[in-house]
Amino acid sequence: MRKQGLLVRFEAAKGRDHELETFLVSALDAAAGSCFAVQFGRSEYGVFAFPSAVTSPGTELLASEARSETLAVLAHKLPKLPAPAPITRGLLLKFSAREGRQSELERFLRSACDVVEQEAGTAAWYALRLAGGGYALFAVFPDDAQRFTHLTGPVPRALTEQALALLDGVPDMDLLQVLAARLGS
Protein backbone atom coordinates (compact mmCIF):
# COMPACT_ATOMS: atom_id res chain seq x y z
CA MET A 1 0.00 0.00 0.00
CA ARG A 2 1.21 3.52 -0.75
CA LYS A 3 1.91 5.11 2.60
CA GLN A 4 2.13 8.77 1.63
CA GLY A 5 0.62 11.29 -0.70
CA LEU A 6 0.56 15.00 -1.25
CA LEU A 7 -2.09 17.60 -1.93
CA VAL A 8 -0.84 20.84 -3.46
CA ARG A 9 -3.35 23.67 -3.92
CA PHE A 10 -2.90 26.53 -6.38
CA GLU A 11 -4.77 29.75 -6.98
CA ALA A 12 -4.51 30.96 -10.58
CA ALA A 13 -3.36 34.52 -11.22
CA LYS A 14 -6.04 36.70 -12.82
CA GLY A 15 -6.62 35.61 -16.42
CA ARG A 16 -4.20 32.66 -16.14
CA ASP A 17 -6.67 29.83 -15.41
CA HIS A 18 -6.32 28.17 -18.81
CA GLU A 19 -2.52 28.25 -18.66
CA LEU A 20 -2.48 26.80 -15.15
CA GLU A 21 -4.90 24.04 -16.18
CA THR A 22 -2.70 23.22 -19.18
CA PHE A 23 0.39 23.09 -16.96
CA LEU A 24 -1.29 20.80 -14.39
CA VAL A 25 -2.54 18.40 -17.07
CA SER A 26 0.89 18.21 -18.75
CA ALA A 27 2.70 17.80 -15.39
CA LEU A 28 0.86 14.54 -14.76
CA ASP A 29 2.55 12.93 -17.78
CA ALA A 30 5.87 12.88 -15.90
CA ALA A 31 4.37 11.76 -12.59
CA ALA A 32 4.83 8.36 -11.01
CA GLY A 33 2.02 6.49 -9.31
CA SER A 34 -1.53 7.86 -9.33
CA CYS A 35 -2.01 11.61 -9.71
CA PHE A 36 -5.13 13.74 -10.16
CA ALA A 37 -5.27 17.37 -11.32
CA VAL A 38 -8.50 18.91 -10.02
CA GLN A 39 -10.40 22.17 -9.98
CA PHE A 40 -11.93 23.09 -6.61
CA GLY A 41 -13.75 26.17 -7.77
CA ARG A 42 -13.22 29.34 -9.70
CA SER A 43 -9.44 29.85 -10.09
CA GLU A 44 -8.63 27.26 -7.41
CA TYR A 45 -6.83 24.08 -8.44
CA GLY A 46 -4.98 21.20 -6.88
CA VAL A 47 -2.97 18.08 -7.50
CA PHE A 48 -3.35 14.91 -5.46
CA ALA A 49 -0.23 12.74 -5.89
CA PHE A 50 0.33 9.21 -4.59
CA PRO A 51 3.31 8.96 -3.94
CA SER A 52 4.20 12.50 -2.96
CA ALA A 53 5.87 14.44 -5.79
CA VAL A 54 4.40 17.43 -7.62
CA THR A 55 6.02 19.81 -10.07
CA SER A 56 5.05 23.40 -9.30
CA PRO A 57 4.13 25.91 -12.00
CA GLY A 58 5.98 29.19 -12.44
CA THR A 59 4.95 31.98 -10.10
CA GLU A 60 3.57 34.05 -12.99
CA LEU A 61 0.64 31.62 -13.20
CA LEU A 62 -0.19 31.88 -9.49
CA ALA A 63 -2.01 34.53 -7.48
CA SER A 64 -0.36 33.30 -4.28
CA GLU A 65 2.12 30.69 -3.10
CA ALA A 66 1.17 27.04 -3.58
CA ARG A 67 -0.02 25.32 -0.39
CA SER A 68 1.18 21.74 0.23
CA GLU A 69 -0.26 19.21 2.62
CA THR A 70 1.30 15.82 3.36
CA LEU A 71 -1.17 12.94 3.37
CA ALA A 72 -0.78 9.62 5.19
CA VAL A 73 -2.73 6.95 3.32
CA LEU A 74 -4.73 4.82 5.77
CA ALA A 75 -6.55 2.77 3.11
CA HIS A 76 -7.22 2.96 -0.61
CA LYS A 77 -8.97 1.52 -3.60
CA LEU A 78 -6.51 1.79 -6.45
CA PRO A 79 -7.79 2.54 -9.93
CA LYS A 80 -8.24 -0.31 -12.39
CA LEU A 81 -5.89 -0.15 -15.35
CA PRO A 82 -6.85 0.86 -17.90
CA ALA A 83 -9.71 2.96 -16.57
CA PRO A 84 -13.05 1.74 -17.97
CA ALA A 85 -14.19 5.36 -18.50
CA PRO A 86 -12.55 8.79 -18.30
CA ILE A 87 -12.38 10.19 -14.77
CA THR A 88 -14.10 13.60 -14.71
CA ARG A 89 -15.41 14.14 -11.17
CA GLY A 90 -13.99 14.03 -7.68
CA LEU A 91 -14.91 14.43 -4.05
CA LEU A 92 -12.90 15.65 -1.07
CA LEU A 93 -14.36 15.32 2.40
CA LYS A 94 -12.28 16.78 5.29
CA PHE A 95 -13.08 16.28 8.96
CA SER A 96 -11.60 16.03 12.45
CA ALA A 97 -11.86 13.24 14.97
CA ARG A 98 -13.48 13.84 18.32
CA GLU A 99 -10.83 14.03 21.07
CA GLY A 100 -9.70 10.51 22.04
CA ARG A 101 -11.53 8.85 19.11
CA GLN A 102 -8.75 9.00 16.50
CA SER A 103 -7.94 5.27 16.61
CA GLU A 104 -11.60 4.32 16.34
CA LEU A 105 -12.09 6.69 13.39
CA GLU A 106 -9.03 5.25 11.63
CA ARG A 107 -10.37 1.70 12.12
CA PHE A 108 -13.69 2.81 10.63
CA LEU A 109 -11.96 4.40 7.61
CA ARG A 110 -9.84 1.29 6.99
CA SER A 111 -12.90 -0.96 7.17
CA ALA A 112 -14.78 1.29 4.72
CA CYS A 113 -12.31 0.34 1.99
CA ASP A 114 -13.86 -3.14 1.68
CA VAL A 115 -17.24 -1.55 0.95
CA VAL A 116 -15.83 0.96 -1.53
CA GLU A 117 -14.05 -1.87 -3.41
CA GLN A 118 -17.54 -3.11 -4.37
CA GLU A 119 -18.54 0.24 -5.90
CA ALA A 120 -17.96 -0.16 -9.63
CA GLY A 121 -18.40 3.57 -10.27
CA THR A 122 -15.77 4.68 -7.75
CA ALA A 123 -12.58 4.69 -9.83
CA ALA A 124 -10.19 5.38 -6.92
CA TRP A 125 -10.69 6.12 -3.22
CA TYR A 126 -8.27 7.17 -0.47
CA ALA A 127 -8.78 7.43 3.30
CA LEU A 128 -6.21 9.94 4.54
CA ARG A 129 -4.73 11.34 7.74
CA LEU A 130 -3.66 14.94 7.21
CA ALA A 131 -0.37 16.37 8.50
CA GLY A 132 -2.30 18.83 10.72
CA GLY A 133 -4.10 16.00 12.52
CA GLY A 134 -7.35 15.98 10.54
CA TYR A 135 -8.68 13.36 8.16
CA ALA A 136 -9.99 13.25 4.60
CA LEU A 137 -11.63 11.02 2.06
CA PHE A 138 -10.68 11.61 -1.57
CA ALA A 139 -12.43 9.77 -4.41
CA VAL A 140 -12.73 10.06 -8.18
CA PHE A 141 -15.50 9.02 -10.56
CA PRO A 142 -16.29 8.90 -14.27
CA ASP A 143 -19.31 11.22 -13.94
CA ASP A 144 -21.77 13.00 -11.64
CA ALA A 145 -24.10 10.00 -11.50
CA GLN A 146 -21.39 7.73 -10.06
CA ARG A 147 -20.33 10.42 -7.59
CA PHE A 148 -23.97 10.75 -6.44
CA THR A 149 -24.25 6.96 -6.13
CA HIS A 150 -21.18 6.95 -3.87
CA LEU A 151 -22.47 9.90 -1.81
CA THR A 152 -25.73 8.07 -1.14
CA GLY A 153 -24.06 4.70 -0.56
CA PRO A 154 -23.18 2.65 2.51
CA VAL A 155 -19.92 4.42 3.52
CA PRO A 156 -21.40 7.94 3.78
CA ARG A 157 -24.47 6.50 5.55
CA ALA A 158 -22.26 4.70 8.08
CA LEU A 159 -20.11 7.81 8.58
CA THR A 160 -23.27 9.85 9.18
CA GLU A 161 -24.45 7.29 11.75
CA GLN A 162 -21.07 7.44 13.53
CA ALA A 163 -20.64 11.22 13.18
CA LEU A 164 -21.73 12.21 16.68
CA ALA A 165 -19.49 9.61 18.30
CA LEU A 166 -16.40 9.93 16.06
CA LEU A 167 -16.34 13.37 14.44
CA ASP A 168 -15.66 16.76 15.95
CA GLY A 169 -18.07 18.75 13.81
CA VAL A 170 -19.55 18.66 10.35
CA PRO A 171 -17.20 17.57 7.53
CA ASP A 172 -16.21 20.05 4.79
CA MET A 173 -17.06 18.74 1.32
CA ASP A 174 -15.63 19.83 -2.02
CA LEU A 175 -17.14 18.57 -5.27
CA LEU A 176 -14.25 18.56 -7.72
CA GLN A 177 -13.85 18.61 -11.47
CA VAL A 178 -11.03 16.27 -12.48
CA LEU A 179 -8.98 17.91 -15.23
CA ALA A 180 -6.66 14.95 -15.71
CA ALA A 181 -5.88 11.65 -14.06
CA ARG A 182 -2.75 9.56 -14.32
CA LEU A 183 -3.49 6.10 -13.06
CA GLY A 184 -0.59 4.14 -11.67
CA SER A 185 -0.24 1.15 -9.47
C-alpha atoms as a PDB file:
ATOM      1  CA  MET A   1       0.000   0.000   0.000  1.00  0.00           C
ATOM      2  CA  ARG A   2       1.206   3.521  -0.752  1.00  0.00           C
ATOM      3  CA  LYS A   3       1.912   5.107   2.595  1.00  0.00           C
ATOM      4  CA  GLN A   4       2.128   8.773   1.632  1.00  0.00           C
ATOM      5  CA  GLY A   5       0.625  11.295  -0.700  1.00  0.00           C
ATOM      6  CA  LEU A   6       0.561  15.000  -1.246  1.00  0.00           C
ATOM      7  CA  LEU A   7      -2.089  17.605  -1.929  1.00  0.00           C
ATOM      8  CA  VAL A   8      -0.841  20.836  -3.460  1.00  0.00           C
ATOM      9  CA  ARG A   9      -3.353  23.671  -3.920  1.00  0.00           C
ATOM     10  CA  PHE A  10      -2.895  26.529  -6.377  1.00  0.00           C
ATOM     11  CA  GLU A  11      -4.771  29.755  -6.984  1.00  0.00           C
ATOM     12  CA  ALA A  12      -4.511  30.961 -10.577  1.00  0.00           C
ATOM     13  CA  ALA A  13      -3.365  34.520 -11.221  1.00  0.00           C
ATOM     14  CA  LYS A  14      -6.037  36.699 -12.819  1.00  0.00           C
ATOM     15  CA  GLY A  15      -6.615  35.614 -16.416  1.00  0.00           C
ATOM     16  CA  ARG A  16      -4.196  32.661 -16.142  1.00  0.00           C
ATOM     17  CA  ASP A  17      -6.667  29.831 -15.409  1.00  0.00           C
ATOM     18  CA  HIS A  18      -6.323  28.172 -18.806  1.00  0.00           C
ATOM     19  CA  GLU A  19      -2.521  28.254 -18.664  1.00  0.00           C
ATOM     20  CA  LEU A  20      -2.483  26.805 -15.146  1.00  0.00           C
ATOM     21  CA  GLU A  21      -4.904  24.038 -16.181  1.00  0.00           C
ATOM     22  CA  THR A  22      -2.698  23.224 -19.182  1.00  0.00           C
ATOM     23  CA  PHE A  23       0.392  23.086 -16.956  1.00  0.00           C
ATOM     24  CA  LEU A  24      -1.287  20.801 -14.394  1.00  0.00           C
ATOM     25  CA  VAL A  25      -2.537  18.403 -17.069  1.00  0.00           C
ATOM     26  CA  SER A  26       0.892  18.206 -18.749  1.00  0.00           C
ATOM     27  CA  ALA A  27       2.696  17.805 -15.388  1.00  0.00           C
ATOM     28  CA  LEU A  28       0.858  14.540 -14.758  1.00  0.00           C
ATOM     29  CA  ASP A  29       2.549  12.932 -17.777  1.00  0.00           C
ATOM     30  CA  ALA A  30       5.869  12.883 -15.905  1.00  0.00           C
ATOM     31  CA  ALA A  31       4.372  11.764 -12.593  1.00  0.00           C
ATOM     32  CA  ALA A  32       4.827   8.355 -11.013  1.00  0.00           C
ATOM     33  CA  GLY A  33       2.019   6.485  -9.306  1.00  0.00           C
ATOM     34  CA  SER A  34      -1.529   7.858  -9.335  1.00  0.00           C
ATOM     35  CA  CYS A  35      -2.015  11.608  -9.708  1.00  0.00           C
ATOM     36  CA  PHE A  36      -5.125  13.737 -10.156  1.00  0.00           C
ATOM     37  CA  ALA A  37      -5.269  17.365 -11.315  1.00  0.00           C
ATOM     38  CA  VAL A  38      -8.497  18.914 -10.022  1.00  0.00           C
ATOM     39  CA  GLN A  39     -10.402  22.169  -9.977  1.00  0.00           C
ATOM     40  CA  PHE A  40     -11.926  23.091  -6.615  1.00  0.00           C
ATOM     41  CA  GLY A  41     -13.753  26.169  -7.773  1.00  0.00           C
ATOM     42  CA  ARG A  42     -13.219  29.341  -9.697  1.00  0.00           C
ATOM     43  CA  SER A  43      -9.442  29.845 -10.091  1.00  0.00           C
ATOM     44  CA  GLU A  44      -8.632  27.255  -7.407  1.00  0.00           C
ATOM     45  CA  TYR A  45      -6.828  24.075  -8.436  1.00  0.00           C
ATOM     46  CA  GLY A  46      -4.976  21.198  -6.879  1.00  0.00           C
ATOM     47  CA  VAL A  47      -2.970  18.075  -7.501  1.00  0.00           C
ATOM     48  CA  PHE A  48      -3.351  14.908  -5.464  1.00  0.00           C
ATOM     49  CA  ALA A  49      -0.234  12.740  -5.889  1.00  0.00           C
ATOM     50  CA  PHE A  50       0.326   9.206  -4.586  1.00  0.00           C
ATOM     51  CA  PRO A  51       3.310   8.963  -3.936  1.00  0.00           C
ATOM     52  CA  SER A  52       4.201  12.497  -2.964  1.00  0.00           C
ATOM     53  CA  ALA A  53       5.869  14.440  -5.786  1.00  0.00           C
ATOM     54  CA  VAL A  54       4.395  17.428  -7.620  1.00  0.00           C
ATOM     55  CA  THR A  55       6.023  19.813 -10.070  1.00  0.00           C
ATOM     56  CA  SER A  56       5.051  23.396  -9.298  1.00  0.00           C
ATOM     57  CA  PRO A  57       4.135  25.914 -12.000  1.00  0.00           C
ATOM     58  CA  GLY A  58       5.981  29.190 -12.437  1.00  0.00           C
ATOM     59  CA  THR A  59       4.955  31.980 -10.098  1.00  0.00           C
ATOM     60  CA  GLU A  60       3.573  34.049 -12.988  1.00  0.00           C
ATOM     61  CA  LEU A  61       0.637  31.617 -13.200  1.00  0.00           C
ATOM     62  CA  LEU A  62      -0.194  31.880  -9.491  1.00  0.00           C
ATOM     63  CA  ALA A  63      -2.012  34.525  -7.478  1.00  0.00           C
ATOM     64  CA  SER A  64      -0.357  33.299  -4.278  1.00  0.00           C
ATOM     65  CA  GLU A  65       2.119  30.692  -3.101  1.00  0.00           C
ATOM     66  CA  ALA A  66       1.167  27.039  -3.583  1.00  0.00           C
ATOM     67  CA  ARG A  67      -0.015  25.316  -0.390  1.00  0.00           C
ATOM     68  CA  SER A  68       1.180  21.743   0.235  1.00  0.00           C
ATOM     69  CA  GLU A  69      -0.260  19.207   2.621  1.00  0.00           C
ATOM     70  CA  THR A  70       1.301  15.817   3.357  1.00  0.00           C
ATOM     71  CA  LEU A  71      -1.173  12.940   3.366  1.00  0.00           C
ATOM     72  CA  ALA A  72      -0.781   9.623   5.193  1.00  0.00           C
ATOM     73  CA  VAL A  73      -2.728   6.950   3.323  1.00  0.00           C
ATOM     74  CA  LEU A  74      -4.734   4.822   5.766  1.00  0.00           C
ATOM     75  CA  ALA A  75      -6.548   2.773   3.113  1.00  0.00           C
ATOM     76  CA  HIS A  76      -7.219   2.962  -0.611  1.00  0.00           C
ATOM     77  CA  LYS A  77      -8.969   1.525  -3.602  1.00  0.00           C
ATOM     78  CA  LEU A  78      -6.513   1.792  -6.453  1.00  0.00           C
ATOM     79  CA  PRO A  79      -7.793   2.544  -9.932  1.00  0.00           C
ATOM     80  CA  LYS A  80      -8.244  -0.313 -12.389  1.00  0.00           C
ATOM     81  CA  LEU A  81      -5.890  -0.146 -15.349  1.00  0.00           C
ATOM     82  CA  PRO A  82      -6.854   0.856 -17.901  1.00  0.00           C
ATOM     83  CA  ALA A  83      -9.715   2.963 -16.570  1.00  0.00           C
ATOM     84  CA  PRO A  84     -13.053   1.742 -17.972  1.00  0.00           C
ATOM     85  CA  ALA A  85     -14.187   5.364 -18.498  1.00  0.00           C
ATOM     86  CA  PRO A  86     -12.548   8.793 -18.304  1.00  0.00           C
ATOM     87  CA  ILE A  87     -12.377  10.194 -14.766  1.00  0.00           C
ATOM     88  CA  THR A  88     -14.097  13.602 -14.706  1.00  0.00           C
ATOM     89  CA  ARG A  89     -15.413  14.138 -11.168  1.00  0.00           C
ATOM     90  CA  GLY A  90     -13.991  14.030  -7.684  1.00  0.00           C
ATOM     91  CA  LEU A  91     -14.906  14.431  -4.050  1.00  0.00           C
ATOM     92  CA  LEU A  92     -12.898  15.652  -1.068  1.00  0.00           C
ATOM     93  CA  LEU A  93     -14.358  15.321   2.401  1.00  0.00           C
ATOM     94  CA  LYS A  94     -12.281  16.778   5.286  1.00  0.00           C
ATOM     95  CA  PHE A  95     -13.079  16.276   8.964  1.00  0.00           C
ATOM     96  CA  SER A  96     -11.596  16.031  12.452  1.00  0.00           C
ATOM     97  CA  ALA A  97     -11.857  13.238  14.970  1.00  0.00           C
ATOM     98  CA  ARG A  98     -13.484  13.840  18.319  1.00  0.00           C
ATOM     99  CA  GLU A  99     -10.833  14.027  21.065  1.00  0.00           C
ATOM    100  CA  GLY A 100      -9.698  10.515  22.040  1.00  0.00           C
ATOM    101  CA  ARG A 101     -11.533   8.848  19.106  1.00  0.00           C
ATOM    102  CA  GLN A 102      -8.746   8.997  16.496  1.00  0.00           C
ATOM    103  CA  SER A 103      -7.940   5.267  16.615  1.00  0.00           C
ATOM    104  CA  GLU A 104     -11.600   4.323  16.340  1.00  0.00           C
ATOM    105  CA  LEU A 105     -12.088   6.686  13.390  1.00  0.00           C
ATOM    106  CA  GLU A 106      -9.026   5.250  11.634  1.00  0.00           C
ATOM    107  CA  ARG A 107     -10.368   1.698  12.115  1.00  0.00           C
ATOM    108  CA  PHE A 108     -13.687   2.809  10.627  1.00  0.00           C
ATOM    109  CA  LEU A 109     -11.960   4.397   7.614  1.00  0.00           C
ATOM    110  CA  ARG A 110      -9.839   1.290   6.988  1.00  0.00           C
ATOM    111  CA  SER A 111     -12.896  -0.959   7.170  1.00  0.00           C
ATOM    112  CA  ALA A 112     -14.779   1.288   4.715  1.00  0.00           C
ATOM    113  CA  CYS A 113     -12.314   0.339   1.990  1.00  0.00           C
ATOM    114  CA  ASP A 114     -13.859  -3.139   1.677  1.00  0.00           C
ATOM    115  CA  VAL A 115     -17.244  -1.554   0.945  1.00  0.00           C
ATOM    116  CA  VAL A 116     -15.825   0.959  -1.534  1.00  0.00           C
ATOM    117  CA  GLU A 117     -14.052  -1.869  -3.408  1.00  0.00           C
ATOM    118  CA  GLN A 118     -17.535  -3.111  -4.367  1.00  0.00           C
ATOM    119  CA  GLU A 119     -18.541   0.244  -5.904  1.00  0.00           C
ATOM    120  CA  ALA A 120     -17.961  -0.163  -9.631  1.00  0.00           C
ATOM    121  CA  GLY A 121     -18.402   3.565 -10.267  1.00  0.00           C
ATOM    122  CA  THR A 122     -15.770   4.680  -7.751  1.00  0.00           C
ATOM    123  CA  ALA A 123     -12.578   4.692  -9.831  1.00  0.00           C
ATOM    124  CA  ALA A 124     -10.194   5.382  -6.923  1.00  0.00           C
ATOM    125  CA  TRP A 125     -10.687   6.122  -3.219  1.00  0.00           C
ATOM    126  CA  TYR A 126      -8.274   7.170  -0.471  1.00  0.00           C
ATOM    127  CA  ALA A 127      -8.777   7.429   3.303  1.00  0.00           C
ATOM    128  CA  LEU A 128      -6.209   9.939   4.543  1.00  0.00           C
ATOM    129  CA  ARG A 129      -4.725  11.340   7.739  1.00  0.00           C
ATOM    130  CA  LEU A 130      -3.655  14.944   7.210  1.00  0.00           C
ATOM    131  CA  ALA A 131      -0.375  16.369   8.504  1.00  0.00           C
ATOM    132  CA  GLY A 132      -2.300  18.826  10.717  1.00  0.00           C
ATOM    133  CA  GLY A 133      -4.099  15.999  12.522  1.00  0.00           C
ATOM    134  CA  GLY A 134      -7.349  15.985  10.536  1.00  0.00           C
ATOM    135  CA  TYR A 135      -8.679  13.359   8.159  1.00  0.00           C
ATOM    136  CA  ALA A 136      -9.992  13.254   4.605  1.00  0.00           C
ATOM    137  CA  LEU A 137     -11.633  11.015   2.065  1.00  0.00           C
ATOM    138  CA  PHE A 138     -10.685  11.613  -1.571  1.00  0.00           C
ATOM    139  CA  ALA A 139     -12.429   9.766  -4.408  1.00  0.00           C
ATOM    140  CA  VAL A 140     -12.734  10.061  -8.176  1.00  0.00           C
ATOM    141  CA  PHE A 141     -15.503   9.016 -10.558  1.00  0.00           C
ATOM    142  CA  PRO A 142     -16.292   8.902 -14.266  1.00  0.00           C
ATOM    143  CA  ASP A 143     -19.306  11.222 -13.937  1.00  0.00           C
ATOM    144  CA  ASP A 144     -21.775  13.001 -11.642  1.00  0.00           C
ATOM    145  CA  ALA A 145     -24.100   9.998 -11.500  1.00  0.00           C
ATOM    146  CA  GLN A 146     -21.387   7.731 -10.061  1.00  0.00           C
ATOM    147  CA  ARG A 147     -20.331  10.419  -7.588  1.00  0.00           C
ATOM    148  CA  PHE A 148     -23.968  10.745  -6.437  1.00  0.00           C
ATOM    149  CA  THR A 149     -24.249   6.958  -6.132  1.00  0.00           C
ATOM    150  CA  HIS A 150     -21.180   6.951  -3.875  1.00  0.00           C
ATOM    151  CA  LEU A 151     -22.471   9.898  -1.806  1.00  0.00           C
ATOM    152  CA  THR A 152     -25.733   8.067  -1.136  1.00  0.00           C
ATOM    153  CA  GLY A 153     -24.059   4.699  -0.565  1.00  0.00           C
ATOM    154  CA  PRO A 154     -23.180   2.653   2.506  1.00  0.00           C
ATOM    155  CA  VAL A 155     -19.925   4.422   3.515  1.00  0.00           C
ATOM    156  CA  PRO A 156     -21.404   7.940   3.776  1.00  0.00           C
ATOM    157  CA  ARG A 157     -24.466   6.497   5.555  1.00  0.00           C
ATOM    158  CA  ALA A 158     -22.262   4.701   8.082  1.00  0.00           C
ATOM    159  CA  LEU A 159     -20.109   7.805   8.579  1.00  0.00           C
ATOM    160  CA  THR A 160     -23.267   9.846   9.178  1.00  0.00           C
ATOM    161  CA  GLU A 161     -24.455   7.288  11.754  1.00  0.00           C
ATOM    162  CA  GLN A 162     -21.070   7.442  13.528  1.00  0.00           C
ATOM    163  CA  ALA A 163     -20.641  11.222  13.181  1.00  0.00           C
ATOM    164  CA  LEU A 164     -21.726  12.212  16.683  1.00  0.00           C
ATOM    165  CA  ALA A 165     -19.489   9.612  18.296  1.00  0.00           C
ATOM    166  CA  LEU A 166     -16.401   9.933  16.064  1.00  0.00           C
ATOM    167  CA  LEU A 167     -16.344  13.368  14.438  1.00  0.00           C
ATOM    168  CA  ASP A 168     -15.663  16.755  15.949  1.00  0.00           C
ATOM    169  CA  GLY A 169     -18.072  18.749  13.815  1.00  0.00           C
ATOM    170  CA  VAL A 170     -19.550  18.665  10.353  1.00  0.00           C
ATOM    171  CA  PRO A 171     -17.202  17.568   7.527  1.00  0.00           C
ATOM    172  CA  ASP A 172     -16.210  20.046   4.788  1.00  0.00           C
ATOM    173  CA  MET A 173     -17.057  18.744   1.323  1.00  0.00           C
ATOM    174  CA  ASP A 174     -15.631  19.835  -2.025  1.00  0.00           C
ATOM    175  CA  LEU A 175     -17.139  18.570  -5.273  1.00  0.00           C
ATOM    176  CA  LEU A 176     -14.245  18.564  -7.721  1.00  0.00           C
ATOM    177  CA  GLN A 177     -13.846  18.614 -11.468  1.00  0.00           C
ATOM    178  CA  VAL A 178     -11.030  16.267 -12.479  1.00  0.00           C
ATOM    179  CA  LEU A 179      -8.978  17.911 -15.226  1.00  0.00           C
ATOM    180  CA  ALA A 180      -6.658  14.949 -15.707  1.00  0.00           C
ATOM    181  CA  ALA A 181      -5.875  11.650 -14.061  1.00  0.00           C
ATOM    182  CA  ARG A 182      -2.755   9.561 -14.320  1.00  0.00           C
ATOM    183  CA  LEU A 183      -3.487   6.098 -13.061  1.00  0.00           C
ATOM    184  CA  GLY A 184      -0.589   4.142 -11.666  1.00  0.00           C
ATOM    185  CA  SER A 185      -0.241   1.148  -9.472  1.00  0.00           C
END
